[in-house]
Amino acid sequence: MPLVRISVPTHLAAEKVHVLADAVHEARVATCGVPSNETLSARFAIRGPVICFSIRTFPDVERSADASIVEITLLKGRTDDKKRSLFREIVSGAVAGRVPPR
């Protein structure tokens, strides 16, 4: 099962944190074969001043003050297409829940 860590800025509304965690979980279910009842691993987020972008456009991508980091550790064997699909699903679910992609 993919290991997930979600780091969010302290000012981000709890509703948005839940939307992001749910988007990550649902994407893992849809693309990685994670059982849908596996609720614990994607539903925790670390709050704190963990995001520090000294250059908000590095590398050529604008980021808002709400930018969050989703780290996913996958075991060997997942194809690049599978990984891209996972990330697309996360962004799609987050955007559907009104969490901006950057």
PDB file of N, CA and C in Angstrom:
ATOM      1  N   MET A   1       0.845  -1.165   0.000  1.00  0.00           N
ATOM      2  CA  MET A   1       0.000   0.000   0.000  1.00  0.00           C
ATOM      3  C   MET A   1       0.899   1.240   0.000  1.00  0.00           C
ATOM      4  N   PRO A   2       0.577   2.217  -0.835  1.00  0.00           N
ATOM      5  CA  PRO A   2       1.379   3.447  -0.875  1.00  0.00           C
ATOM      6  C   PRO A   2       1.310   4.200   0.457  1.00  0.00           C
ATOM      7  N   LEU A   3       2.444   4.675   0.894  1.00  0.00           N
ATOM      8  CA  LEU A   3       2.536   5.476   2.111  1.00  0.00           C
ATOM      9  C   LEU A   3       2.378   6.940   1.717  1.00  0.00           C
ATOM     10  N   VAL A   4       1.529   7.658   2.442  1.00  0.00           N
ATOM     11  CA  VAL A   4       1.210   9.041   2.092  1.00  0.00           C
ATOM     12  C   VAL A   4       1.500   9.962   3.264  1.00  0.00           C
ATOM     13  N   ARG A   5       2.076  11.114   2.950  1.00  0.00           N
ATOM     14  CA  ARG A   5       2.258  12.189   3.927  1.00  0.00           C
ATOM     15  C   ARG A   5       1.762  13.466   3.258  1.00  0.00           C
ATOM     16  N   ILE A   6       0.855  14.164   3.924  1.00  0.00           N
ATOM     17  CA  ILE A   6       0.304  15.407   3.398  1.00  0.00           C
ATOM     18  C   ILE A   6       0.717  16.528   4.338  1.00  0.00           C
ATOM     19  N   SER A   7       1.436  17.501   3.808  1.00  0.00           N
ATOM     20  CA  SER A   7       1.869  18.654   4.601  1.00  0.00           C
ATOM     21  C   SER A   7       1.111  19.871   4.105  1.00  0.00           C
ATOM     22  N   VAL A   8       0.477  20.561   5.043  1.00  0.00           N
ATOM     23  CA  VAL A   8      -0.348  21.718   4.679  1.00  0.00           C
ATOM     24  C   VAL A   8       0.034  22.911   5.539  1.00  0.00           C
ATOM     25  N   PRO A   9      -0.157  24.123   5.008  1.00  0.00           N
ATOM     26  CA  PRO A   9       0.128  25.308   5.822  1.00  0.00           C
ATOM     27  C   PRO A   9      -0.887  25.431   6.968  1.00  0.00           C
ATOM     28  N   THR A  10      -0.476  26.034   8.044  1.00  0.00           N
ATOM     29  CA  THR A  10      -1.329  26.127   9.235  1.00  0.00           C
ATOM     30  C   THR A  10      -2.612  26.900   8.992  1.00  0.00           C
ATOM     31  N   HIS A  11      -2.609  27.839   8.056  1.00  0.00           N
ATOM     32  CA  HIS A  11      -3.807  28.652   7.843  1.00  0.00           C
ATOM     33  C   HIS A  11      -4.847  27.975   6.959  1.00  0.00           C
ATOM     34  N   LEU A  12      -4.524  26.837   6.350  1.00  0.00           N
ATOM     35  CA  LEU A  12      -5.456  26.184   5.436  1.00  0.00           C
ATOM     36  C   LEU A  12      -6.661  25.661   6.205  1.00  0.00           C
ATOM     37  N   ALA A  13      -7.846  25.977   5.733  1.00  0.00           N
ATOM     38  CA  ALA A  13      -9.088  25.583   6.402  1.00  0.00           C
ATOM     39  C   ALA A  13      -9.176  24.060   6.515  1.00  0.00           C
ATOM     40  N   ALA A  14      -9.701  23.603   7.639  1.00  0.00           N
ATOM     41  CA  ALA A  14      -9.824  22.161   7.878  1.00  0.00           C
ATOM     42  C   ALA A  14     -10.612  21.482   6.768  1.00  0.00           C
ATOM     43  N   GLU A  15     -11.620  22.150   6.247  1.00  0.00           N
ATOM     44  CA  GLU A  15     -12.424  21.588   5.154  1.00  0.00           C
ATOM     45  C   GLU A  15     -11.551  21.273   3.941  1.00  0.00           C
ATOM     46  N   LYS A  16     -10.638  22.174   3.603  1.00  0.00           N
ATOM     47  CA  LYS A  16      -9.759  21.952   2.457  1.00  0.00           C
ATOM     48  C   LYS A  16      -8.774  20.814   2.733  1.00  0.00           C
ATOM     49  N   VAL A  17      -8.318  20.700   3.968  1.00  0.00           N
ATOM     50  CA  VAL A  17      -7.412  19.605   4.327  1.00  0.00           C
ATOM     51  C   VAL A  17      -8.137  18.273   4.149  1.00  0.00           C
ATOM     52  N   HIS A  18      -9.384  18.207   4.595  1.00  0.00           N
ATOM     53  CA  HIS A  18     -10.168  16.979   4.444  1.00  0.00           C
ATOM     54  C   HIS A  18     -10.404  16.653   2.974  1.00  0.00           C
ATOM     55  N   VAL A  19     -10.712  17.671   2.179  1.00  0.00           N
ATOM     56  CA  VAL A  19     -10.917  17.458   0.738  1.00  0.00           C
ATOM     57  C   VAL A  19      -9.652  16.890   0.109  1.00  0.00           C
ATOM     58  N   LEU A  20      -8.502  17.466   0.449  1.00  0.00           N
ATOM     59  CA  LEU A  20      -7.236  16.995  -0.108  1.00  0.00           C
ATOM     60  C   LEU A  20      -6.949  15.559   0.334  1.00  0.00           C
ATOM     61  N   ALA A  21      -7.139  15.251   1.610  1.00  0.00           N
ATOM     62  CA  ALA A  21      -6.907  13.894   2.110  1.00  0.00           C
ATOM     63  C   ALA A  21      -7.852  12.901   1.441  1.00  0.00           C
ATOM     64  N   ASP A  22      -9.107  13.294   1.260  1.00  0.00           N
ATOM     65  CA  ASP A  22     -10.068  12.421   0.591  1.00  0.00           C
ATOM     66  C   ASP A  22      -9.687  12.214  -0.873  1.00  0.00           C
ATOM     67  N   ALA A  23      -9.225  13.274  -1.546  1.00  0.00           N
ATOM     68  CA  ALA A  23      -8.812  13.161  -2.946  1.00  0.00           C
ATOM     69  C   ALA A  23      -7.643  12.188  -3.076  1.00  0.00           C
ATOM     70  N   VAL A  24      -6.698  12.267  -2.140  1.00  0.00           N
ATOM     71  CA  VAL A  24      -5.555  11.353  -2.160  1.00  0.00           C
ATOM     72  C   VAL A  24      -6.041   9.918  -1.957  1.00  0.00           C
ATOM     73  N   HIS A  25      -6.900   9.716  -0.978  1.00  0.00           N
ATOM     74  CA  HIS A  25      -7.400   8.362  -0.693  1.00  0.00           C
ATOM     75  C   HIS A  25      -8.156   7.796  -1.898  1.00  0.00           C
ATOM     76  N   GLU A  26      -9.066   8.581  -2.452  1.00  0.00           N
ATOM     77  CA  GLU A  26      -9.874   8.104  -3.573  1.00  0.00           C
ATOM     78  C   GLU A  26      -9.001   7.808  -4.797  1.00  0.00           C
ATOM     79  N   ALA A  27      -7.959   8.607  -5.010  1.00  0.00           N
ATOM     80  CA  ALA A  27      -7.047   8.363  -6.126  1.00  0.00           C
ATOM     81  C   ALA A  27      -6.270   7.072  -5.908  1.00  0.00           C
ATOM     82  N   ARG A  28      -5.876   6.804  -4.683  1.00  0.00           N
ATOM     83  CA  ARG A  28      -5.161   5.566  -4.373  1.00  0.00           C
ATOM     84  C   ARG A  28      -6.051   4.359  -4.609  1.00  0.00           C
ATOM     85  N   VAL A  29      -7.318   4.477  -4.250  1.00  0.00           N
ATOM     86  CA  VAL A  29      -8.267   3.383  -4.478  1.00  0.00           C
ATOM     87  C   VAL A  29      -8.441   3.153  -5.978  1.00  0.00           C
ATOM     88  N   ALA A  30      -8.615   4.255  -6.728  1.00  0.00           N
ATOM     89  CA  ALA A  30      -8.892   4.163  -8.166  1.00  0.00           C
ATOM     90  C   ALA A  30      -7.697   3.685  -8.983  1.00  0.00           C
ATOM     91  N   THR A  31      -6.483   4.019  -8.568  1.00  0.00           N
ATOM     92  CA  THR A  31      -5.326   3.742  -9.428  1.00  0.00           C
ATOM     93  C   THR A  31      -4.330   2.741  -8.865  1.00  0.00           C
ATOM     94  N   CYS A  32      -4.344   2.522  -7.558  1.00  0.00           N
ATOM     95  CA  CYS A  32      -3.313   1.671  -6.950  1.00  0.00           C
ATOM     96  C   CYS A  32      -3.860   0.404  -6.313  1.00  0.00           C
ATOM     97  N   GLY A  33      -5.155   0.184  -6.421  1.00  0.00           N
ATOM     98  CA  GLY A  33      -5.723  -1.028  -5.853  1.00  0.00           C
ATOM     99  C   GLY A  33      -5.804  -1.042  -4.340  1.00  0.00           C
ATOM    100  N   VAL A  34      -5.744   0.128  -3.719  1.00  0.00           N
ATOM    101  CA  VAL A  34      -5.889   0.214  -2.267  1.00  0.00           C
ATOM    102  C   VAL A  34      -7.349  -0.047  -1.913  1.00  0.00           C
ATOM    103  N   PRO A  35      -7.618  -0.908  -0.932  1.00  0.00           N
ATOM    104  CA  PRO A  35      -9.018  -1.158  -0.547  1.00  0.00           C
ATOM    105  C   PRO A  35      -9.716   0.133  -0.123  1.00  0.00           C
ATOM    106  N   SER A  36     -10.960   0.291  -0.525  1.00  0.00           N
ATOM    107  CA  SER A  36     -11.679   1.532  -0.223  1.00  0.00           C
ATOM    108  C   SER A  36     -11.915   1.719   1.266  1.00  0.00           C
ATOM    109  N   ASN A  37     -11.891   0.653   2.055  1.00  0.00           N
ATOM    110  CA  ASN A  37     -12.101   0.788   3.497  1.00  0.00           C
ATOM    111  C   ASN A  37     -10.812   1.078   4.257  1.00  0.00           C
ATOM    112  N   GLU A  38      -9.701   1.263   3.556  1.00  0.00           N
ATOM    113  CA  GLU A  38      -8.422   1.599   4.186  1.00  0.00           C
ATOM    114  C   GLU A  38      -8.441   3.094   4.472  1.00  0.00           C
ATOM    115  N   THR A  39      -8.993   3.486   5.611  1.00  0.00           N
ATOM    116  CA  THR A  39      -9.240   4.896   5.877  1.00  0.00           C
ATOM    117  C   THR A  39      -8.111   5.609   6.593  1.00  0.00           C
ATOM    118  N   LEU A  40      -7.310   4.927   7.345  1.00  0.00           N
ATOM    119  CA  LEU A  40      -6.368   5.617   8.207  1.00  0.00           C
ATOM    120  C   LEU A  40      -5.195   6.252   7.467  1.00  0.00           C
ATOM    121  N   SER A  41      -4.651   5.581   6.484  1.00  0.00           N
ATOM    122  CA  SER A  41      -3.384   6.044   5.920  1.00  0.00           C
ATOM    123  C   SER A  41      -3.489   7.328   5.119  1.00  0.00           C
ATOM    124  N   ALA A  42      -4.648   7.679   4.596  1.00  0.00           N
ATOM    125  CA  ALA A  42      -4.751   8.893   3.780  1.00  0.00           C
ATOM    126  C   ALA A  42      -5.501   9.996   4.499  1.00  0.00           C
ATOM    127  N   ARG A  43      -5.925   9.788   5.697  1.00  0.00           N
ATOM    128  CA  ARG A  43      -6.787  10.750   6.351  1.00  0.00           C
ATOM    129  C   ARG A  43      -6.096  11.558   7.431  1.00  0.00           C
ATOM    130  N   PHE A  44      -4.790  11.487   7.486  1.00  0.00           N
ATOM    131  CA  PHE A  44      -4.038  12.313   8.419  1.00  0.00           C
ATOM    132  C   PHE A  44      -3.229  13.320   7.625  1.00  0.00           C
ATOM    133  N   ALA A  45      -3.181  14.532   8.103  1.00  0.00           N
ATOM    134  CA  ALA A  45      -2.369  15.563   7.453  1.00  0.00           C
ATOM    135  C   ALA A  45      -1.542  16.250   8.528  1.00  0.00           C
ATOM    136  N   ILE A  46      -0.355  16.641   8.171  1.00  0.00           N
ATOM    137  CA  ILE A  46       0.534  17.308   9.111  1.00  0.00           C
ATOM    138  C   ILE A  46       0.389  18.805   8.910  1.00  0.00           C
ATOM    139  N   ARG A  47      -0.008  19.491   9.962  1.00  0.00           N
ATOM    140  CA  ARG A  47      -0.148  20.943   9.894  1.00  0.00           C
ATOM    141  C   ARG A  47       1.081  21.580  10.510  1.00  0.00           C
ATOM    142  N   GLY A  48       1.473  22.666   9.939  1.00  0.00           N
ATOM    143  CA  GLY A  48       2.596  23.385  10.511  1.00  0.00           C
ATOM    144  C   GLY A  48       3.258  24.250   9.465  1.00  0.00           C
ATOM    145  N   PRO A  49       4.195  25.019   9.897  1.00  0.00           N
ATOM    146  CA  PRO A  49       4.899  25.883   8.952  1.00  0.00           C
ATOM    147  C   PRO A  49       5.923  25.087   8.153  1.00  0.00           C
ATOM    148  N   VAL A  50       5.429  24.048   7.469  1.00  0.00           N
ATOM    149  CA  VAL A  50       6.342  23.153   6.765  1.00  0.00           C
ATOM    150  C   VAL A  50       6.589  23.582   5.324  1.00  0.00           C
ATOM    151  N   ILE A  51       5.800  24.501   4.838  1.00  0.00           N
ATOM    152  CA  ILE A  51       5.965  24.908   3.450  1.00  0.00           C
ATOM    153  C   ILE A  51       6.653  26.257   3.407  1.00  0.00           C
ATOM    154  N   CYS A  52       7.765  26.277   2.768  1.00  0.00           N
ATOM    155  CA  CYS A  52       8.525  27.517   2.659  1.00  0.00           C
ATOM    156  C   CYS A  52       9.042  27.639   1.238  1.00  0.00           C
ATOM    157  N   PHE A  53       8.341  28.408   0.430  1.00  0.00           N
ATOM    158  CA  PHE A  53       8.793  28.649  -0.932  1.00  0.00           C
ATOM    159  C   PHE A  53       9.408  30.032  -0.963  1.00  0.00           C
ATOM    160  N   SER A  54      10.719  30.096  -0.987  1.00  0.00           N
ATOM    161  CA  SER A  54      11.344  31.406  -1.036  1.00  0.00           C
ATOM    162  C   SER A  54      11.162  32.024  -2.413  1.00  0.00           C
ATOM    163  N   ILE A  55      11.003  31.173  -3.415  1.00  0.00           N
ATOM    164  CA  ILE A  55      10.712  31.656  -4.757  1.00  0.00           C
ATOM    165  C   ILE A  55       9.411  30.992  -5.172  1.00  0.00           C
ATOM    166  N   ARG A  56       8.322  31.724  -5.190  1.00  0.00           N
ATOM    167  CA  ARG A  56       7.016  31.137  -5.447  1.00  0.00           C
ATOM    168  C   ARG A  56       6.826  30.644  -6.877  1.00  0.00           C
ATOM    169  N   THR A  57       7.765  30.924  -7.754  1.00  0.00           N
ATOM    170  CA  THR A  57       7.610  30.468  -9.130  1.00  0.00           C
ATOM    171  C   THR A  57       8.638  29.407  -9.506  1.00  0.00           C
ATOM    172  N   PHE A  58       9.366  28.872  -8.553  1.00  0.00           N
ATOM    173  CA  PHE A  58      10.370  27.850  -8.860  1.00  0.00           C
ATOM    174  C   PHE A  58       9.711  26.490  -8.955  1.00  0.00           C
ATOM    175  N   PRO A  59       9.990  25.661  -9.865  1.00  0.00           N
ATOM    176  CA  PRO A  59      10.642  25.931 -11.143  1.00  0.00           C
ATOM    177  C   PRO A  59       9.597  26.292 -12.195  1.00  0.00           C
ATOM    178  N   ASP A  60       9.403  27.540 -12.401  1.00  0.00           N
ATOM    179  CA  ASP A  60       8.466  28.071 -13.401  1.00  0.00           C
ATOM    180  C   ASP A  60       7.017  27.657 -13.160  1.00  0.00           C
ATOM    181  N   VAL A  61       6.649  27.441 -11.910  1.00  0.00           N
ATOM    182  CA  VAL A  61       5.274  27.113 -11.546  1.00  0.00           C
ATOM    183  C   VAL A  61       4.845  28.065 -10.451  1.00  0.00           C
ATOM    184  N   GLU A  62       3.792  28.825 -10.703  1.00  0.00           N
ATOM    185  CA  GLU A  62       3.259  29.733  -9.673  1.00  0.00           C
ATOM    186  C   GLU A  62       2.610  28.919  -8.560  1.00  0.00           C
ATOM    187  N   ARG A  63       2.854  29.303  -7.324  1.00  0.00           N
ATOM    188  CA  ARG A  63       2.228  28.650  -6.178  1.00  0.00           C
ATOM    189  C   ARG A  63       1.542  29.688  -5.317  1.00  0.00           C
ATOM    190  N   SER A  64       0.402  29.310  -4.769  1.00  0.00           N
ATOM    191  CA  SER A  64      -0.303  30.200  -3.865  1.00  0.00           C
ATOM    192  C   SER A  64       0.202  29.966  -2.444  1.00  0.00           C
ATOM    193  N   ALA A  65      -0.259  30.795  -1.525  1.00  0.00           N
ATOM    194  CA  ALA A  65       0.100  30.610  -0.117  1.00  0.00           C
ATOM    195  C   ALA A  65      -0.547  29.348   0.449  1.00  0.00           C
ATOM    196  N   ASP A  66      -1.535  28.785  -0.256  1.00  0.00           N
ATOM    197  CA  ASP A  66      -2.213  27.568   0.174  1.00  0.00           C
ATOM    198  C   ASP A  66      -1.534  26.296  -0.337  1.00  0.00           C
ATOM    199  N   ALA A  67      -0.445  26.426  -1.048  1.00  0.00           N
ATOM    200  CA  ALA A  67       0.219  25.257  -1.635  1.00  0.00           C
ATOM    201  C   ALA A  67       0.519  24.224  -0.548  1.00  0.00           C
ATOM    202  N   SER A  68       0.237  22.990  -0.864  1.00  0.00           N
ATOM    203  CA  SER A  68       0.471  21.875   0.052  1.00  0.00           C
ATOM    204  C   SER A  68       1.361  20.859  -0.639  1.00  0.00           C
ATOM    205  N   ILE A  69       1.941  19.980   0.153  1.00  0.00           N
ATOM    206  CA  ILE A  69       2.820  18.953  -0.399  1.00  0.00           C
ATOM    207  C   ILE A  69       2.225  17.588  -0.084  1.00  0.00           C
ATOM    208  N   VAL A  70       2.055  16.782  -1.124  1.00  0.00           N
ATOM    209  CA  VAL A  70       1.595  15.407  -0.964  1.00  0.00           C
ATOM    210  C   VAL A  70       2.762  14.516  -1.363  1.00  0.00           C
ATOM    211  N   GLU A  71       3.283  13.773  -0.399  1.00  0.00           N
ATOM    212  CA  GLU A  71       4.386  12.844  -0.658  1.00  0.00           C
ATOM    213  C   GLU A  71       3.827  11.431  -0.656  1.00  0.00           C
ATOM    214  N   ILE A  72       4.129  10.688  -1.703  1.00  0.00           N
ATOM    215  CA  ILE A  72       3.637   9.316  -1.807  1.00  0.00           C
ATOM    216  C   ILE A  72       4.829   8.402  -2.065  1.00  0.00           C
ATOM    217  N   THR A  73       4.982   7.411  -1.212  1.00  0.00           N
ATOM    218  CA  THR A  73       6.035   6.417  -1.384  1.00  0.00           C
ATOM    219  C   THR A  73       5.395   5.155  -1.939  1.00  0.00           C
ATOM    220  N   LEU A  74       5.844   4.772  -3.127  1.00  0.00           N
ATOM    221  CA  LEU A  74       5.320   3.573  -3.775  1.00  0.00           C
ATOM    222  C   LEU A  74       6.402   2.505  -3.821  1.00  0.00           C
ATOM    223  N   LEU A  75       6.001   1.270  -3.666  1.00  0.00           N
ATOM    224  CA  LEU A  75       6.943   0.172  -3.817  1.00  0.00           C
ATOM    225  C   LEU A  75       7.271  -0.016  -5.288  1.00  0.00           C
ATOM    226  N   LYS A  76       8.386  -0.626  -5.539  1.00  0.00           N
ATOM    227  CA  LYS A  76       8.819  -0.910  -6.898  1.00  0.00           C
ATOM    228  C   LYS A  76       7.733  -1.684  -7.643  1.00  0.00           C
ATOM    229  N   GLY A  77       7.585  -1.375  -8.912  1.00  0.00           N
ATOM    230  CA  GLY A  77       6.639  -2.122  -9.722  1.00  0.00           C
ATOM    231  C   GLY A  77       5.512  -1.278 -10.292  1.00  0.00           C
ATOM    232  N   ARG A  78       5.295  -0.103  -9.760  1.00  0.00           N
ATOM    233  CA  ARG A  78       4.257   0.781 -10.319  1.00  0.00           C
ATOM    234  C   ARG A  78       4.835   1.450 -11.565  1.00  0.00           C
ATOM    235  N   THR A  79       4.101   1.396 -12.632  1.00  0.00           N
ATOM    236  CA  THR A  79       4.588   1.993 -13.880  1.00  0.00           C
ATOM    237  C   THR A  79       4.490   3.511 -13.811  1.00  0.00           C
ATOM    238  N   ASP A  80       5.236   4.161 -14.680  1.00  0.00           N
ATOM    239  CA  ASP A  80       5.152   5.626 -14.754  1.00  0.00           C
ATOM    240  C   ASP A  80       3.741   6.064 -15.123  1.00  0.00           C
ATOM    241  N   ASP A  81       3.073   5.323 -16.004  1.00  0.00           N
ATOM    242  CA  ASP A  81       1.690   5.649 -16.370  1.00  0.00           C
ATOM    243  C   ASP A  81       0.770   5.553 -15.160  1.00  0.00           C
ATOM    244  N   LYS A  82       0.966   4.547 -14.330  1.00  0.00           N
ATOM    245  CA  LYS A  82       0.170   4.375 -13.111  1.00  0.00           C
ATOM    246  C   LYS A  82       0.393   5.559 -12.167  1.00  0.00           C
ATOM    247  N   LYS A  83       1.649   5.990 -12.030  1.00  0.00           N
ATOM    248  CA  LYS A  83       1.974   7.119 -11.158  1.00  0.00           C
ATOM    249  C   LYS A  83       1.353   8.408 -11.693  1.00  0.00           C
ATOM    250  N   ARG A  84       1.463   8.638 -12.995  1.00  0.00           N
ATOM    251  CA  ARG A  84       0.849   9.840 -13.586  1.00  0.00           C
ATOM    252  C   ARG A  84      -0.658   9.827 -13.385  1.00  0.00           C
ATOM    253  N   SER A  85      -1.258   8.668 -13.552  1.00  0.00           N
ATOM    254  CA  SER A  85      -2.695   8.529 -13.347  1.00  0.00           C
ATOM    255  C   SER A  85      -3.075   8.848 -11.903  1.00  0.00           C
ATOM    256  N   LEU A  86      -2.273   8.375 -10.952  1.00  0.00           N
ATOM    257  CA  LEU A  86      -2.505   8.666  -9.535  1.00  0.00           C
ATOM    258  C   LEU A  86      -2.475  10.166  -9.279  1.00  0.00           C
ATOM    259  N   PHE A  87      -1.458  10.838  -9.789  1.00  0.00           N
ATOM    260  CA  PHE A  87      -1.346  12.280  -9.549  1.00  0.00           C
ATOM    261  C   PHE A  87      -2.464  13.060 -10.232  1.00  0.00           C
ATOM    262  N   ARG A  88      -2.848  12.638 -11.439  1.00  0.00           N
ATOM    263  CA  ARG A  88      -3.971  13.309 -12.118  1.00  0.00           C
ATOM    264  C   ARG A  88      -5.255  13.160 -11.313  1.00  0.00           C
ATOM    265  N   GLU A  89      -5.487  11.966 -10.784  1.00  0.00           N
ATOM    266  CA  GLU A  89      -6.686  11.714  -9.981  1.00  0.00           C
ATOM    267  C   GLU A  89      -6.694  12.566  -8.712  1.00  0.00           C
ATOM    268  N   ILE A  90      -5.543  12.716  -8.082  1.00  0.00           N
ATOM    269  CA  ILE A  90      -5.458  13.547  -6.871  1.00  0.00           C
ATOM    270  C   ILE A  90      -5.817  14.986  -7.204  1.00  0.00           C
ATOM    271  N   VAL A  91      -5.222  15.521  -8.249  1.00  0.00           N
ATOM    272  CA  VAL A  91      -5.494  16.909  -8.639  1.00  0.00           C
ATOM    273  C   VAL A  91      -6.960  17.073  -9.015  1.00  0.00           C
ATOM    274  N   SER A  92      -7.493  16.137  -9.773  1.00  0.00           N
ATOM    275  CA  SER A  92      -8.892  16.206 -10.184  1.00  0.00           C
ATOM    276  C   SER A  92      -9.830  16.223  -8.973  1.00  0.00           C
ATOM    277  N   GLY A  93      -9.581  15.346  -8.017  1.00  0.00           N
ATOM    278  CA  GLY A  93     -10.415  15.302  -6.819  1.00  0.00           C
ATOM    279  C   GLY A  93     -10.282  16.535  -5.957  1.00  0.00           C
ATOM    280  N   ALA A  94      -9.069  17.051  -5.850  1.00  0.00           N
ATOM    281  CA  ALA A  94      -8.842  18.278  -5.061  1.00  0.00           C
ATOM    282  C   ALA A  94      -9.531  19.472  -5.710  1.00  0.00           C
ATOM    283  N   VAL A  95      -9.376  19.601  -7.015  1.00  0.00           N
ATOM    284  CA  VAL A  95      -9.995  20.726  -7.732  1.00  0.00           C
ATOM    285  C   VAL A  95     -11.525  20.625  -7.651  1.00  0.00           C
ATOM    286  N   ALA A  96     -12.062  19.415  -7.757  1.00  0.00           N
ATOM    287  CA  ALA A  96     -13.513  19.228  -7.637  1.00  0.00           C
ATOM    288  C   ALA A  96     -14.016  19.692  -6.267  1.00  0.00           C
ATOM    289  N   GLY A  97     -13.164  19.573  -5.249  1.00  0.00           N
ATOM    290  CA  GLY A  97     -13.513  20.012  -3.893  1.00  0.00           C
ATOM    291  C   GLY A  97     -13.092  21.432  -3.605  1.00  0.00           C
ATOM    292  N   ARG A  98     -12.755  22.167  -4.645  1.00  0.00           N
ATOM    293  CA  ARG A  98     -12.371  23.590  -4.571  1.00  0.00           C
ATOM    294  C   ARG A  98     -11.045  23.830  -3.856  1.00  0.00           C
ATOM    295  N   VAL A  99     -10.123  22.879  -3.979  1.00  0.00           N
ATOM    296  CA  VAL A  99      -8.757  23.086  -3.505  1.00  0.00           C
ATOM    297  C   VAL A  99      -7.936  23.343  -4.752  1.00  0.00           C
ATOM    298  N   PRO A 100      -7.358  24.550  -4.883  1.00  0.00           N
ATOM    299  CA  PRO A 100      -6.626  24.887  -6.106  1.00  0.00           C
ATOM    300  C   PRO A 100      -5.415  23.977  -6.313  1.00  0.00           C
ATOM    301  N   PRO A 101      -5.053  23.712  -7.582  1.00  0.00           N
ATOM    302  CA  PRO A 101      -3.968  22.793  -7.852  1.00  0.00           C
ATOM    303  C   PRO A 101      -2.580  23.322  -7.522  1.00  0.00           C
ATOM    304  N   ARG A 102      -2.443  24.591  -7.175  1.00  0.00           N
ATOM    305  CA  ARG A 102      -1.126  25.137  -6.837  1.00  0.00           C
ATOM    306  C   ARG A 102      -1.216  26.015  -5.626  1.00  0.00           C
TER     307      ARG A 102
END
